[in-house]
């Protein structure tokens, strides 16, 4: 009886995605999101800085 459950758990473990792969994918997506947010913020700040320097002239 225990063999049946052991085999079942092993099959479930092999069918589920690897936790390491899942963690790497989540980490990569998080880094990509943060980089895009930083780039958008930097672009907005640069445009604001440009408008401020144009106003001084």
C-alpha atoms as a PDB file:
ATOM      1  CA  UNK A   1       0.000   0.000   0.000  1.00  0.00           C
ATOM      2  CA  UNK A   2       2.837   2.390   0.839  1.00  0.00           C
ATOM      3  CA  UNK A   3       4.417   1.639  -2.536  1.00  0.00           C
ATOM      4  CA  UNK A   4       1.313   2.916  -4.264  1.00  0.00           C
ATOM      5  CA  UNK A   5       1.449   6.264  -2.455  1.00  0.00           C
ATOM      6  CA  UNK A   6       5.226   6.568  -2.912  1.00  0.00           C
ATOM      7  CA  UNK A   7       4.834   6.062  -6.643  1.00  0.00           C
ATOM      8  CA  UNK A   8       1.963   8.524  -6.717  1.00  0.00           C
ATOM      9  CA  UNK A   9       3.974  11.212  -4.913  1.00  0.00           C
ATOM     10  CA  UNK A  10       6.985  10.601  -7.153  1.00  0.00           C
ATOM     11  CA  UNK A  11       4.820  10.987 -10.254  1.00  0.00           C
ATOM     12  CA  UNK A  12       3.322  14.205  -8.871  1.00  0.00           C
ATOM     13  CA  UNK A  13       6.788  15.561  -8.076  1.00  0.00           C
ATOM     14  CA  UNK A  14       8.068  14.808 -11.568  1.00  0.00           C
ATOM     15  CA  UNK A  15       4.981  16.289 -13.220  1.00  0.00           C
ATOM     16  CA  UNK A  16       5.184  19.573 -11.289  1.00  0.00           C
ATOM     17  CA  UNK A  17       7.603  22.228 -12.535  1.00  0.00           C
ATOM     18  CA  UNK A  18      10.982  22.321 -10.883  1.00  0.00           C
ATOM     19  CA  UNK A  19      10.978  24.721  -7.923  1.00  0.00           C
ATOM     20  CA  UNK A  20      14.420  26.046  -8.817  1.00  0.00           C
ATOM     21  CA  UNK A  21      13.289  26.809 -12.376  1.00  0.00           C
ATOM     22  CA  UNK A  22      10.143  28.467 -11.049  1.00  0.00           C
ATOM     23  CA  UNK A  23      12.153  30.616  -8.614  1.00  0.00           C
ATOM     24  CA  UNK A  24      14.550  31.673 -11.385  1.00  0.00           C
ATOM     25  CA  UNK A  25      11.664  32.610 -13.677  1.00  0.00           C
ATOM     26  CA  UNK A  26      10.002  34.709 -10.961  1.00  0.00           C
ATOM     27  CA  UNK A  27      13.314  36.393 -10.141  1.00  0.00           C
ATOM     28  CA  UNK A  28      13.975  37.195 -13.805  1.00  0.00           C
ATOM     29  CA  UNK A  29      10.485  38.651 -14.257  1.00  0.00           C
ATOM     30  CA  UNK A  30      10.868  40.748 -11.110  1.00  0.00           C
ATOM     31  CA  UNK A  31      14.210  42.128 -12.281  1.00  0.00           C
ATOM     32  CA  UNK A  32      12.758  42.912 -15.710  1.00  0.00           C
ATOM     33  CA  UNK A  33       9.802  44.715 -14.115  1.00  0.00           C
ATOM     34  CA  UNK A  34      12.071  46.767 -11.831  1.00  0.00           C
ATOM     35  CA  UNK A  35      14.376  47.684 -14.720  1.00  0.00           C
ATOM     36  CA  UNK A  36      11.471  48.820 -16.892  1.00  0.00           C
ATOM     37  CA  UNK A  37      10.047  50.872 -14.023  1.00  0.00           C
ATOM     38  CA  UNK A  38      13.453  52.472 -13.409  1.00  0.00           C
ATOM     39  CA  UNK A  39      13.864  53.240 -17.109  1.00  0.00           C
ATOM     40  CA  UNK A  40      10.408  54.830 -17.297  1.00  0.00           C
ATOM     41  CA  UNK A  41      11.127  56.888 -14.178  1.00  0.00           C
ATOM     42  CA  UNK A  42      14.505  58.020 -15.491  1.00  0.00           C
ATOM     43  CA  UNK A  43      12.971  59.009 -18.822  1.00  0.00           C
ATOM     44  CA  UNK A  44      10.225  61.016 -17.120  1.00  0.00           C
ATOM     45  CA  UNK A  45      12.779  62.678 -14.831  1.00  0.00           C
ATOM     46  CA  UNK A  46      15.014  63.535 -17.804  1.00  0.00           C
ATOM     47  CA  UNK A  47      12.102  65.129 -19.676  1.00  0.00           C
ATOM     48  CA  UNK A  48      11.119  67.107 -16.575  1.00  0.00           C
ATOM     49  CA  UNK A  49      14.725  68.272 -16.165  1.00  0.00           C
ATOM     50  CA  UNK A  50      14.789  69.322 -19.836  1.00  0.00           C
ATOM     51  CA  UNK A  51      11.580  71.333 -19.435  1.00  0.00           C
ATOM     52  CA  UNK A  52      12.956  72.998 -16.292  1.00  0.00           C
ATOM     53  CA  UNK A  53      16.198  73.990 -18.027  1.00  0.00           C
ATOM     54  CA  UNK A  54      14.236  75.299 -21.055  1.00  0.00           C
ATOM     55  CA  UNK A  55      12.111  77.428 -18.724  1.00  0.00           C
ATOM     56  CA  UNK A  56      15.214  79.045 -17.187  1.00  0.00           C
ATOM     57  CA  UNK A  57      16.441  80.182 -20.615  1.00  0.00           C
END
